Amino acid sequence: MSDCLFCKIVAGDIPADKVYEDDDVFAFRDISPQAPTHFLVIPKKHLSDLSAVNEDHEKLIGKLVRIGAELAAQEGLDGGYRVIFNNGPDGGQIVYHIHMHILGGRQLRGPLG
């Protein structure tokens, strides 16, 4: 999608601090980290939000979660971490390309919003 920020990052048009990339998934550090470790894991395929996910995307979304867990381990988040999908305006989604936040590096407490 030509006007999607994350699609532009995947295409290399906008720089990002890449953590991981393969044919299906791209991960990069959040530009406004909310924890000592905060990165995003996204599918390269543009899916606007969780409502766009259907049966055809189950393998891709499963891979997204698996890669996120593997990267969290590589980042040393052995004590745990938070995984967040914001969905829609009431859910706090700002960029309309599915993305999974991984946050850790300290004990996370309190409300999410």
PDB file of N, CA and C in Angstrom:
ATOM      1  N   MET A   1       0.851  -1.172   0.000  1.00  0.00           N
ATOM      2  CA  MET A   1       0.000   0.000   0.000  1.00  0.00           C
ATOM      3  C   MET A   1       0.898   1.237   0.000  1.00  0.00           C
ATOM      4  N   SER A   2       0.758   2.104  -0.955  1.00  0.00           N
ATOM      5  CA  SER A   2       1.715   3.180  -1.187  1.00  0.00           C
ATOM      6  C   SER A   2       1.770   4.231  -0.085  1.00  0.00           C
ATOM      7  N   ASP A   3       0.696   4.449   0.651  1.00  0.00           N
ATOM      8  CA  ASP A   3       0.714   5.477   1.690  1.00  0.00           C
ATOM      9  C   ASP A   3       0.900   4.915   3.095  1.00  0.00           C
ATOM     10  N   CYS A   4       1.170   3.642   3.218  1.00  0.00           N
ATOM     11  CA  CYS A   4       1.322   2.991   4.519  1.00  0.00           C
ATOM     12  C   CYS A   4       2.765   3.150   5.022  1.00  0.00           C
ATOM     13  N   LEU A   5       2.905   3.727   6.205  1.00  0.00           N
ATOM     14  CA  LEU A   5       4.218   3.935   6.806  1.00  0.00           C
ATOM     15  C   LEU A   5       5.007   2.635   6.908  1.00  0.00           C
ATOM     16  N   PHE A   6       4.368   1.574   7.406  1.00  0.00           N
ATOM     17  CA  PHE A   6       5.095   0.319   7.598  1.00  0.00           C
ATOM     18  C   PHE A   6       5.430  -0.354   6.270  1.00  0.00           C
ATOM     19  N   CYS A   7       4.589  -0.212   5.268  1.00  0.00           N
ATOM     20  CA  CYS A   7       4.926  -0.733   3.942  1.00  0.00           C
ATOM     21  C   CYS A   7       6.151  -0.012   3.384  1.00  0.00           C
ATOM     22  N   LYS A   8       6.261   1.281   3.659  1.00  0.00           N
ATOM     23  CA  LYS A   8       7.425   2.055   3.216  1.00  0.00           C
ATOM     24  C   LYS A   8       8.684   1.603   3.950  1.00  0.00           C
ATOM     25  N   ILE A   9       8.543   1.248   5.232  1.00  0.00           N
ATOM     26  CA  ILE A   9       9.689   0.731   5.986  1.00  0.00           C
ATOM     27  C   ILE A   9      10.130  -0.609   5.400  1.00  0.00           C
ATOM     28  N   VAL A  10       9.180  -1.498   5.136  1.00  0.00           N
ATOM     29  CA  VAL A  10       9.497  -2.807   4.548  1.00  0.00           C
ATOM     30  C   VAL A  10      10.190  -2.633   3.193  1.00  0.00           C
ATOM     31  N   ALA A  11       9.726  -1.667   2.399  1.00  0.00           N
ATOM     32  CA  ALA A  11      10.296  -1.433   1.071  1.00  0.00           C
ATOM     33  C   ALA A  11      11.673  -0.770   1.127  1.00  0.00           C
ATOM     34  N   GLY A  12      12.068  -0.271   2.306  1.00  0.00           N
ATOM     35  CA  GLY A  12      13.350   0.401   2.434  1.00  0.00           C
ATOM     36  C   GLY A  12      13.291   1.879   2.118  1.00  0.00           C
ATOM     37  N   ASP A  13      12.091   2.412   1.905  1.00  0.00           N
ATOM     38  CA  ASP A  13      11.934   3.832   1.593  1.00  0.00           C
ATOM     39  C   ASP A  13      12.100   4.712   2.834  1.00  0.00           C
ATOM     40  N   ILE A  14      11.836   4.145   3.994  1.00  0.00           N
ATOM     41  CA  ILE A  14      12.012   4.837   5.271  1.00  0.00           C
ATOM     42  C   ILE A  14      12.935   3.964   6.116  1.00  0.00           C
ATOM     43  N   PRO A  15      13.991   4.555   6.675  1.00  0.00           N
ATOM     44  CA  PRO A  15      14.927   3.743   7.467  1.00  0.00           C
ATOM     45  C   PRO A  15      14.305   3.271   8.775  1.00  0.00           C
ATOM     46  N   ALA A  16      14.771   2.127   9.233  1.00  0.00           N
ATOM     47  CA  ALA A  16      14.339   1.564  10.509  1.00  0.00           C
ATOM     48  C   ALA A  16      15.508   0.793  11.107  1.00  0.00           C
ATOM     49  N   ASP A  17      15.495   0.681  12.421  1.00  0.00           N
ATOM     50  CA  ASP A  17      16.503  -0.108  13.130  1.00  0.00           C
ATOM     51  C   ASP A  17      16.029  -1.558  13.115  1.00  0.00           C
ATOM     52  N   LYS A  18      16.399  -2.266  12.059  1.00  0.00           N
ATOM     53  CA  LYS A  18      15.916  -3.625  11.819  1.00  0.00           C
ATOM     54  C   LYS A  18      16.452  -4.600  12.857  1.00  0.00           C
ATOM     55  N   VAL A  19      15.549  -5.447  13.346  1.00  0.00           N
ATOM     56  CA  VAL A  19      15.893  -6.515  14.277  1.00  0.00           C
ATOM     57  C   VAL A  19      15.890  -7.853  13.549  1.00  0.00           C
ATOM     58  N   TYR A  20      14.999  -7.998  12.549  1.00  0.00           N
ATOM     59  CA  TYR A  20      14.825  -9.281  11.865  1.00  0.00           C
ATOM     60  C   TYR A  20      14.109  -9.039  10.540  1.00  0.00           C
ATOM     61  N   GLU A  21      14.432  -9.890   9.563  1.00  0.00           N
ATOM     62  CA  GLU A  21      13.704  -9.865   8.298  1.00  0.00           C
ATOM     63  C   GLU A  21      13.814 -11.216   7.623  1.00  0.00           C
ATOM     64  N   ASP A  22      12.688 -11.680   7.069  1.00  0.00           N
ATOM     65  CA  ASP A  22      12.676 -12.833   6.168  1.00  0.00           C
ATOM     66  C   ASP A  22      11.663 -12.518   5.069  1.00  0.00           C
ATOM     67  N   ASP A  23      11.238 -13.506   4.326  1.00  0.00           N
ATOM     68  CA  ASP A  23      10.315 -13.263   3.215  1.00  0.00           C
ATOM     69  C   ASP A  23       8.941 -12.774   3.657  1.00  0.00           C
ATOM     70  N   ASP A  24       8.542 -13.094   4.892  1.00  0.00           N
ATOM     71  CA  ASP A  24       7.183 -12.806   5.353  1.00  0.00           C
ATOM     72  C   ASP A  24       7.087 -11.772   6.464  1.00  0.00           C
ATOM     73  N   VAL A  25       8.148 -11.643   7.249  1.00  0.00           N
ATOM     74  CA  VAL A  25       8.093 -10.885   8.503  1.00  0.00           C
ATOM     75  C   VAL A  25       9.229  -9.880   8.557  1.00  0.00           C
ATOM     76  N   PHE A  26       8.941  -8.735   9.158  1.00  0.00           N
ATOM     77  CA  PHE A  26       9.944  -7.688   9.373  1.00  0.00           C
ATOM     78  C   PHE A  26       9.791  -7.215  10.811  1.00  0.00           C
ATOM     79  N   ALA A  27      10.896  -7.054  11.520  1.00  0.00           N
ATOM     80  CA  ALA A  27      10.863  -6.565  12.900  1.00  0.00           C
ATOM     81  C   ALA A  27      11.852  -5.416  13.040  1.00  0.00           C
ATOM     82  N   PHE A  28      11.445  -4.397  13.783  1.00  0.00           N
ATOM     83  CA  PHE A  28      12.293  -3.219  13.965  1.00  0.00           C
ATOM     84  C   PHE A  28      12.000  -2.556  15.307  1.00  0.00           C
ATOM     85  N   ARG A  29      12.965  -1.798  15.793  1.00  0.00           N
ATOM     86  CA  ARG A  29      12.827  -1.127  17.077  1.00  0.00           C
ATOM     87  C   ARG A  29      11.863   0.053  16.966  1.00  0.00           C
ATOM     88  N   ASP A  30      11.044   0.216  18.008  1.00  0.00           N
ATOM     89  CA  ASP A  30      10.095   1.323  18.054  1.00  0.00           C
ATOM     90  C   ASP A  30      10.862   2.640  18.180  1.00  0.00           C
ATOM     91  N   ILE A  31      10.428   3.665  17.449  1.00  0.00           N
ATOM     92  CA  ILE A  31      11.130   4.957  17.507  1.00  0.00           C
ATOM     93  C   ILE A  31      10.811   5.732  18.784  1.00  0.00           C
ATOM     94  N   SER A  32       9.761   5.334  19.492  1.00  0.00           N
ATOM     95  CA  SER A  32       9.404   5.941  20.786  1.00  0.00           C
ATOM     96  C   SER A  32       9.227   4.832  21.815  1.00  0.00           C
ATOM     97  N   PRO A  33      10.324   4.187  22.219  1.00  0.00           N
ATOM     98  CA  PRO A  33      10.201   3.013  23.087  1.00  0.00           C
ATOM     99  C   PRO A  33       9.527   3.335  24.427  1.00  0.00           C
ATOM    100  N   GLN A  34       8.665   2.426  24.835  1.00  0.00           N
ATOM    101  CA  GLN A  34       7.943   2.543  26.094  1.00  0.00           C
ATOM    102  C   GLN A  34       8.538   1.634  27.172  1.00  0.00           C
ATOM    103  N   ALA A  35       9.617   0.962  26.846  1.00  0.00           N
ATOM    104  CA  ALA A  35      10.330   0.073  27.764  1.00  0.00           C
ATOM    105  C   ALA A  35      11.768  -0.025  27.255  1.00  0.00           C
ATOM    106  N   PRO A  36      12.695  -0.515  28.089  1.00  0.00           N
ATOM    107  CA  PRO A  36      14.081  -0.629  27.631  1.00  0.00           C
ATOM    108  C   PRO A  36      14.223  -1.429  26.325  1.00  0.00           C
ATOM    109  N   THR A  37      13.413  -2.456  26.163  1.00  0.00           N
ATOM    110  CA  THR A  37      13.351  -3.193  24.899  1.00  0.00           C
ATOM    111  C   THR A  37      11.940  -3.020  24.353  1.00  0.00           C
ATOM    112  N   HIS A  38      11.835  -2.478  23.164  1.00  0.00           N
ATOM    113  CA  HIS A  38      10.526  -2.273  22.535  1.00  0.00           C
ATOM    114  C   HIS A  38      10.717  -2.346  21.025  1.00  0.00           C
ATOM    115  N   PHE A  39      10.196  -3.419  20.451  1.00  0.00           N
ATOM    116  CA  PHE A  39      10.269  -3.560  18.999  1.00  0.00           C
ATOM    117  C   PHE A  39       8.927  -4.015  18.453  1.00  0.00           C
ATOM    118  N   LEU A  40       8.754  -3.831  17.166  1.00  0.00           N
ATOM    119  CA  LEU A  40       7.533  -4.206  16.463  1.00  0.00           C
ATOM    120  C   LEU A  40       7.835  -5.362  15.533  1.00  0.00           C
ATOM    121  N   VAL A  41       6.880  -6.255  15.403  1.00  0.00           N
ATOM    122  CA  VAL A  41       6.974  -7.360  14.460  1.00  0.00           C
ATOM    123  C   VAL A  41       5.765  -7.225  13.550  1.00  0.00           C
ATOM    124  N   ILE A  42       6.016  -7.153  12.246  1.00  0.00           N
ATOM    125  CA  ILE A  42       4.930  -6.934  11.288  1.00  0.00           C
ATOM    126  C   ILE A  42       5.001  -7.947  10.149  1.00  0.00           C
ATOM    127  N   PRO A  43       3.853  -8.236   9.557  1.00  0.00           N
ATOM    128  CA  PRO A  43       3.905  -9.015   8.317  1.00  0.00           C
ATOM    129  C   PRO A  43       4.312  -8.074   7.183  1.00  0.00           C
ATOM    130  N   LYS A  44       5.058  -8.574   6.228  1.00  0.00           N
ATOM    131  CA  LYS A  44       5.374  -7.754   5.063  1.00  0.00           C
ATOM    132  C   LYS A  44       4.121  -7.506   4.230  1.00  0.00           C
ATOM    133  N   LYS A  45       3.238  -8.468   4.221  1.00  0.00           N
ATOM    134  CA  LYS A  45       1.967  -8.317   3.512  1.00  0.00           C
ATOM    135  C   LYS A  45       1.123  -7.278   4.249  1.00  0.00           C
ATOM    136  N   HIS A  46       0.576  -6.338   3.532  1.00  0.00           N
ATOM    137  CA  HIS A  46      -0.245  -5.314   4.169  1.00  0.00           C
ATOM    138  C   HIS A  46      -1.589  -5.898   4.589  1.00  0.00           C
ATOM    139  N   LEU A  47      -1.830  -5.864   5.878  1.00  0.00           N
ATOM    140  CA  LEU A  47      -3.131  -6.175   6.466  1.00  0.00           C
ATOM    141  C   LEU A  47      -3.417  -5.009   7.392  1.00  0.00           C
ATOM    142  N   SER A  48      -4.502  -4.299   7.166  1.00  0.00           N
ATOM    143  CA  SER A  48      -4.740  -3.049   7.876  1.00  0.00           C
ATOM    144  C   SER A  48      -4.933  -3.211   9.371  1.00  0.00           C
ATOM    145  N   ASP A  49      -5.670  -4.217   9.782  1.00  0.00           N
ATOM    146  CA  ASP A  49      -5.916  -4.441  11.203  1.00  0.00           C
ATOM    147  C   ASP A  49      -6.356  -5.886  11.408  1.00  0.00           C
ATOM    148  N   LEU A  50      -6.620  -6.247  12.651  1.00  0.00           N
ATOM    149  CA  LEU A  50      -6.982  -7.639  12.928  1.00  0.00           C
ATOM    150  C   LEU A  50      -8.278  -8.050  12.250  1.00  0.00           C
ATOM    151  N   SER A  51      -9.138  -7.096  11.954  1.00  0.00           N
ATOM    152  CA  SER A  51     -10.383  -7.402  11.237  1.00  0.00           C
ATOM    153  C   SER A  51     -10.115  -7.898   9.819  1.00  0.00           C
ATOM    154  N   ALA A  52      -8.949  -7.581   9.281  1.00  0.00           N
ATOM    155  CA  ALA A  52      -8.589  -8.003   7.922  1.00  0.00           C
ATOM    156  C   ALA A  52      -8.050  -9.431   7.885  1.00  0.00           C
ATOM    157  N   VAL A  53      -7.780 -10.009   9.052  1.00  0.00           N
ATOM    158  CA  VAL A  53      -7.226 -11.362   9.113  1.00  0.00           C
ATOM    159  C   VAL A  53      -8.324 -12.379   8.855  1.00  0.00           C
ATOM    160  N   ASN A  54      -8.047 -13.305   7.969  1.00  0.00           N
ATOM    161  CA  ASN A  54      -8.989 -14.396   7.719  1.00  0.00           C
ATOM    162  C   ASN A  54      -8.229 -15.723   7.761  1.00  0.00           C
ATOM    163  N   GLU A  55      -8.926 -16.781   7.445  1.00  0.00           N
ATOM    164  CA  GLU A  55      -8.354 -18.128   7.506  1.00  0.00           C
ATOM    165  C   GLU A  55      -7.075 -18.258   6.684  1.00  0.00           C
ATOM    166  N   ASP A  56      -6.988 -17.528   5.580  1.00  0.00           N
ATOM    167  CA  ASP A  56      -5.802 -17.588   4.721  1.00  0.00           C
ATOM    168  C   ASP A  56      -4.553 -17.028   5.406  1.00  0.00           C
ATOM    169  N   HIS A  57      -4.730 -16.234   6.448  1.00  0.00           N
ATOM    170  CA  HIS A  57      -3.615 -15.572   7.110  1.00  0.00           C
ATOM    171  C   HIS A  57      -3.160 -16.275   8.391  1.00  0.00           C
ATOM    172  N   GLU A  58      -3.785 -17.388   8.740  1.00  0.00           N
ATOM    173  CA  GLU A  58      -3.473 -18.048  10.014  1.00  0.00           C
ATOM    174  C   GLU A  58      -1.997 -18.428  10.128  1.00  0.00           C
ATOM    175  N   LYS A  59      -1.424 -18.957   9.091  1.00  0.00           N
ATOM    176  CA  LYS A  59      -0.012 -19.360   9.131  1.00  0.00           C
ATOM    177  C   LYS A  59       0.883 -18.132   9.310  1.00  0.00           C
ATOM    178  N   LEU A  60       0.586 -17.053   8.613  1.00  0.00           N
ATOM    179  CA  LEU A  60       1.375 -15.828   8.702  1.00  0.00           C
ATOM    180  C   LEU A  60       1.304 -15.230  10.107  1.00  0.00           C
ATOM    181  N   ILE A  61       0.121 -15.152  10.675  1.00  0.00           N
ATOM    182  CA  ILE A  61      -0.028 -14.570  12.012  1.00  0.00           C
ATOM    183  C   ILE A  61       0.642 -15.470  13.058  1.00  0.00           C
ATOM    184  N   GLY A  62       0.540 -16.771  12.900  1.00  0.00           N
ATOM    185  CA  GLY A  62       1.249 -17.682  13.787  1.00  0.00           C
ATOM    186  C   GLY A  62       2.751 -17.482  13.706  1.00  0.00           C
ATOM    187  N   LYS A  63       3.254 -17.280  12.496  1.00  0.00           N
ATOM    188  CA  LYS A  63       4.684 -17.039  12.312  1.00  0.00           C
ATOM    189  C   LYS A  63       5.096 -15.725  12.982  1.00  0.00           C
ATOM    190  N   LEU A  64       4.248 -14.720  12.868  1.00  0.00           N
ATOM    191  CA  LEU A  64       4.511 -13.429  13.491  1.00  0.00           C
ATOM    192  C   LEU A  64       4.727 -13.597  15.000  1.00  0.00           C
ATOM    193  N   VAL A  65       3.834 -14.347  15.633  1.00  0.00           N
ATOM    194  CA  VAL A  65       3.915 -14.575  17.075  1.00  0.00           C
ATOM    195  C   VAL A  65       5.166 -15.392  17.416  1.00  0.00           C
ATOM    196  N   ARG A  66       5.442 -16.426  16.637  1.00  0.00           N
ATOM    197  CA  ARG A  66       6.637 -17.256  16.891  1.00  0.00           C
ATOM    198  C   ARG A  66       7.909 -16.435  16.763  1.00  0.00           C
ATOM    199  N   ILE A  67       8.023 -15.644  15.708  1.00  0.00           N
ATOM    200  CA  ILE A  67       9.215 -14.816  15.505  1.00  0.00           C
ATOM    201  C   ILE A  67       9.346 -13.820  16.649  1.00  0.00           C
ATOM    202  N   GLY A  68       8.235 -13.234  17.075  1.00  0.00           N
ATOM    203  CA  GLY A  68       8.284 -12.303  18.207  1.00  0.00           C
ATOM    204  C   GLY A  68       8.850 -12.960  19.449  1.00  0.00           C
ATOM    205  N   ALA A  69       8.423 -14.182  19.742  1.00  0.00           N
ATOM    206  CA  ALA A  69       8.920 -14.913  20.914  1.00  0.00           C
ATOM    207  C   ALA A  69      10.409 -15.237  20.759  1.00  0.00           C
ATOM    208  N   GLU A  70      10.822 -15.640  19.576  1.00  0.00           N
ATOM    209  CA  GLU A  70      12.233 -15.945  19.341  1.00  0.00           C
ATOM    210  C   GLU A  70      13.096 -14.695  19.505  1.00  0.00           C
ATOM    211  N   LEU A  71      12.625 -13.572  18.992  1.00  0.00           N
ATOM    212  CA  LEU A  71      13.384 -12.331  19.107  1.00  0.00           C
ATOM    213  C   LEU A  71      13.435 -11.856  20.558  1.00  0.00           C
ATOM    214  N   ALA A  72      12.339 -12.026  21.293  1.00  0.00           N
ATOM    215  CA  ALA A  72      12.335 -11.667  22.710  1.00  0.00           C
ATOM    216  C   ALA A  72      13.403 -12.466  23.455  1.00  0.00           C
ATOM    217  N   ALA A  73      13.525 -13.748  23.142  1.00  0.00           N
ATOM    218  CA  ALA A  73      14.558 -14.580  23.767  1.00  0.00           C
ATOM    219  C   ALA A  73      15.954 -14.079  23.385  1.00  0.00           C
ATOM    220  N   GLN A  74      16.146 -13.747  22.112  1.00  0.00           N
ATOM    221  CA  GLN A  74      17.445 -13.232  21.654  1.00  0.00           C
ATOM    222  C   GLN A  74      17.796 -11.909  22.327  1.00  0.00           C
ATOM    223  N   GLU A  75      16.768 -11.125  22.651  1.00  0.00           N
ATOM    224  CA  GLU A  75      16.974  -9.835  23.310  1.00  0.00           C
ATOM    225  C   GLU A  75      17.180  -9.992  24.816  1.00  0.00           C
ATOM    226  N   GLY A  76      17.126 -11.226  25.308  1.00  0.00           N
ATOM    227  CA  GLY A  76      17.375 -11.487  26.709  1.00  0.00           C
ATOM    228  C   GLY A  76      16.201 -11.223  27.636  1.00  0.00           C
ATOM    229  N   LEU A  77      14.997 -11.272  27.106  1.00  0.00           N
ATOM    230  CA  LEU A  77      13.799 -10.999  27.905  1.00  0.00           C
ATOM    231  C   LEU A  77      13.318 -12.257  28.620  1.00  0.00           C
ATOM    232  N   ASP A  78      14.241 -12.902  29.326  1.00  0.00           N
ATOM    233  CA  ASP A  78      13.971 -14.173  29.993  1.00  0.00           C
ATOM    234  C   ASP A  78      12.971 -14.047  31.136  1.00  0.00           C
ATOM    235  N   GLY A  79      12.878 -12.869  31.749  1.00  0.00           N
ATOM    236  CA  GLY A  79      11.954 -12.664  32.864  1.00  0.00           C
ATOM    237  C   GLY A  79      10.537 -12.388  32.426  1.00  0.00           C
ATOM    238  N   GLY A  80      10.334 -12.262  31.132  1.00  0.00           N
ATOM    239  CA  GLY A  80       9.003 -12.009  30.593  1.00  0.00           C
ATOM    240  C   GLY A  80       8.962 -10.729  29.773  1.00  0.00           C
ATOM    241  N   TYR A  81       7.856 -10.541  29.095  1.00  0.00           N
ATOM    242  CA  TYR A  81       7.664  -9.384  28.241  1.00  0.00           C
ATOM    243  C   TYR A  81       6.180  -9.246  27.948  1.00  0.00           C
ATOM    244  N   ARG A  82       5.812  -8.093  27.455  1.00  0.00           N
ATOM    245  CA  ARG A  82       4.420  -7.819  27.098  1.00  0.00           C
ATOM    246  C   ARG A  82       4.293  -7.857  25.579  1.00  0.00           C
ATOM    247  N   VAL A  83       3.191  -8.439  25.113  1.00  0.00           N
ATOM    248  CA  VAL A  83       2.872  -8.513  23.689  1.00  0.00           C
ATOM    249  C   VAL A  83       1.563  -7.753  23.490  1.00  0.00           C
ATOM    250  N   ILE A  84       1.569  -6.809  22.565  1.00  0.00           N
ATOM    251  CA  ILE A  84       0.377  -5.981  22.350  1.00  0.00           C
ATOM    252  C   ILE A  84       0.076  -5.861  20.863  1.00  0.00           C
ATOM    253  N   PHE A  85      -1.179  -6.095  20.526  1.00  0.00           N
ATOM    254  CA  PHE A  85      -1.735  -5.741  19.224  1.00  0.00           C
ATOM    255  C   PHE A  85      -2.776  -4.645  19.504  1.00  0.00           C
ATOM    256  N   ASN A  86      -2.559  -3.450  19.031  1.00  0.00           N
ATOM    257  CA  ASN A  86      -3.589  -2.415  19.111  1.00  0.00           C
ATOM    258  C   ASN A  86      -4.458  -2.560  17.870  1.00  0.00           C
ATOM    259  N   ASN A  87      -5.772  -2.484  18.044  1.00  0.00           N
ATOM    260  CA  ASN A  87      -6.668  -2.693  16.906  1.00  0.00           C
ATOM    261  C   ASN A  87      -7.754  -1.623  16.875  1.00  0.00           C
ATOM    262  N   GLY A  88      -7.768  -0.849  15.806  1.00  0.00           N
ATOM    263  CA  GLY A  88      -8.787   0.169  15.611  1.00  0.00           C
ATOM    264  C   GLY A  88      -8.550   1.406  16.462  1.00  0.00           C
ATOM    265  N   PRO A  89      -9.307   2.462  16.199  1.00  0.00           N
ATOM    266  CA  PRO A  89      -9.090   3.726  16.906  1.00  0.00           C
ATOM    267  C   PRO A  89      -9.314   3.620  18.417  1.00  0.00           C
ATOM    268  N   ASP A  90     -10.304   2.892  18.849  1.00  0.00           N
ATOM    269  CA  ASP A  90     -10.544   2.748  20.285  1.00  0.00           C
ATOM    270  C   ASP A  90      -9.502   1.867  20.951  1.00  0.00           C
ATOM    271  N   GLY A  91      -8.816   1.037  20.178  1.00  0.00           N
ATOM    272  CA  GLY A  91      -7.763   0.180  20.706  1.00  0.00           C
ATOM    273  C   GLY A  91      -6.392   0.832  20.660  1.00  0.00           C
ATOM    274  N   GLY A  92      -6.324   2.067  20.190  1.00  0.00           N
ATOM    275  CA  GLY A  92      -5.063   2.797  20.163  1.00  0.00           C
ATOM    276  C   GLY A  92      -4.214   2.575  18.928  1.00  0.00           C
ATOM    277  N   GLN A  93      -4.787   1.956  17.888  1.00  0.00           N
ATOM    278  CA  GLN A  93      -4.008   1.732  16.667  1.00  0.00           C
ATOM    279  C   GLN A  93      -3.790   3.057  15.962  1.00  0.00           C
ATOM    280  N   ILE A  94      -2.535   3.345  15.632  1.00  0.00           N
ATOM    281  CA  ILE A  94      -2.185   4.586  14.947  1.00  0.00           C
ATOM    282  C   ILE A  94      -1.803   4.310  13.497  1.00  0.00           C
ATOM    283  N   VAL A  95      -0.995   3.262  13.287  1.00  0.00           N
ATOM    284  CA  VAL A  95      -0.603   2.877  11.929  1.00  0.00           C
ATOM    285  C   VAL A  95      -1.463   1.690  11.530  1.00  0.00           C
ATOM    286  N   TYR A  96      -2.162   1.831  10.420  1.00  0.00           N
ATOM    287  CA  TYR A  96      -3.091   0.786   9.986  1.00  0.00           C
ATOM    288  C   TYR A  96      -2.402  -0.239   9.088  1.00  0.00           C
ATOM    289  N   HIS A  97      -1.521  -0.978   9.738  1.00  0.00           N
ATOM    290  CA  HIS A  97      -0.812  -2.150   9.209  1.00  0.00           C
ATOM    291  C   HIS A  97      -0.589  -2.994  10.454  1.00  0.00           C
ATOM    292  N   ILE A  98      -1.111  -4.193  10.476  1.00  0.00           N
ATOM    293  CA  ILE A  98      -0.995  -5.025  11.680  1.00  0.00           C
ATOM    294  C   ILE A  98       0.437  -5.005  12.192  1.00  0.00           C
ATOM    295  N   HIS A  99       0.565  -4.791  13.489  1.00  0.00           N
ATOM    296  CA  HIS A  99       1.886  -4.835  14.107  1.00  0.00           C
ATOM    297  C   HIS A  99       1.759  -5.298  15.552  1.00  0.00           C
ATOM    298  N   MET A 100       2.725  -6.067  15.950  1.00  0.00           N
ATOM    299  CA  MET A 100       2.780  -6.634  17.290  1.00  0.00           C
ATOM    300  C   MET A 100       3.929  -5.962  18.034  1.00  0.00           C
ATOM    301  N   HIS A 101       3.596  -5.335  19.164  1.00  0.00           N
ATOM    302  CA  HIS A 101       4.610  -4.726  20.016  1.00  0.00           C
ATOM    303  C   HIS A 101       5.152  -5.781  20.973  1.00  0.00           C
ATOM    304  N   ILE A 102       6.457  -5.805  21.149  1.00  0.00           N
ATOM    305  CA  ILE A 102       7.113  -6.605  22.184  1.00  0.00           C
ATOM    306  C   ILE A 102       7.840  -5.610  23.090  1.00  0.00           C
ATOM    307  N   LEU A 103       7.459  -5.608  24.371  1.00  0.00           N
ATOM    308  CA  LEU A 103       8.053  -4.690  25.332  1.00  0.00           C
ATOM    309  C   LEU A 103       8.598  -5.469  26.515  1.00  0.00           C
ATOM    310  N   GLY A 104       9.781  -5.110  26.974  1.00  0.00           N
ATOM    311  CA  GLY A 104      10.363  -5.774  28.123  1.00  0.00           C
ATOM    312  C   GLY A 104      11.620  -5.076  28.585  1.00  0.00           C
ATOM    313  N   GLY A 105      12.361  -5.756  29.438  1.00  0.00           N
ATOM    314  CA  GLY A 105      13.595  -5.197  29.954  1.00  0.00           C
ATOM    315  C   GLY A 105      13.442  -4.594  31.337  1.00  0.00           C
ATOM    316  N   ARG A 106      12.229  -4.563  31.837  1.00  0.00           N
ATOM    317  CA  ARG A 106      11.932  -4.137  33.197  1.00  0.00           C
ATOM    318  C   ARG A 106      10.577  -4.735  33.556  1.00  0.00           C
ATOM    319  N   GLN A 107      10.231  -4.698  34.821  1.00  0.00           N
ATOM    320  CA  GLN A 107       8.925  -5.200  35.204  1.00  0.00           C
ATOM    321  C   GLN A 107       7.856  -4.232  34.739  1.00  0.00           C
ATOM    322  N   LEU A 108       6.913  -4.728  33.984  1.00  0.00           N
ATOM    323  CA  LEU A 108       5.831  -3.906  33.450  1.00  0.00           C
ATOM    324  C   LEU A 108       4.603  -4.067  34.338  1.00  0.00           C
ATOM    325  N   ARG A 109       4.094  -2.967  34.811  1.00  0.00           N
ATOM    326  CA  ARG A 109       2.938  -2.985  35.708  1.00  0.00           C
ATOM    327  C   ARG A 109       1.945  -1.936  35.258  1.00  0.00           C
ATOM    328  N   GLY A 110       0.791  -2.001  35.873  1.00  0.00           N
ATOM    329  CA  GLY A 110      -0.191  -0.958  35.684  1.00  0.00           C
ATOM    330  C   GLY A 110      -1.053  -1.151  34.465  1.00  0.00           C
ATOM    331  N   PRO A 111      -1.934  -0.174  34.263  1.00  0.00           N
ATOM    332  CA  PRO A 111      -2.888  -0.260  33.158  1.00  0.00           C
ATOM    333  C   PRO A 111      -2.184  -0.153  31.809  1.00  0.00           C
ATOM    334  N   LEU A 112      -2.843  -0.672  30.827  1.00  0.00           N
ATOM    335  CA  LEU A 112      -2.285  -0.625  29.477  1.00  0.00           C
ATOM    336  C   LEU A 112      -2.654   0.647  28.750  1.00  0.00           C
ATOM    337  N   GLY A 113      -3.604   1.398  29.244  1.00  0.00           N
ATOM    338  CA  GLY A 113      -4.039   2.553  28.472  1.00  0.00           C
ATOM    339  C   GLY A 113      -4.201   3.784  29.227  1.00  0.00           C
TER     340      GLY A 113
END
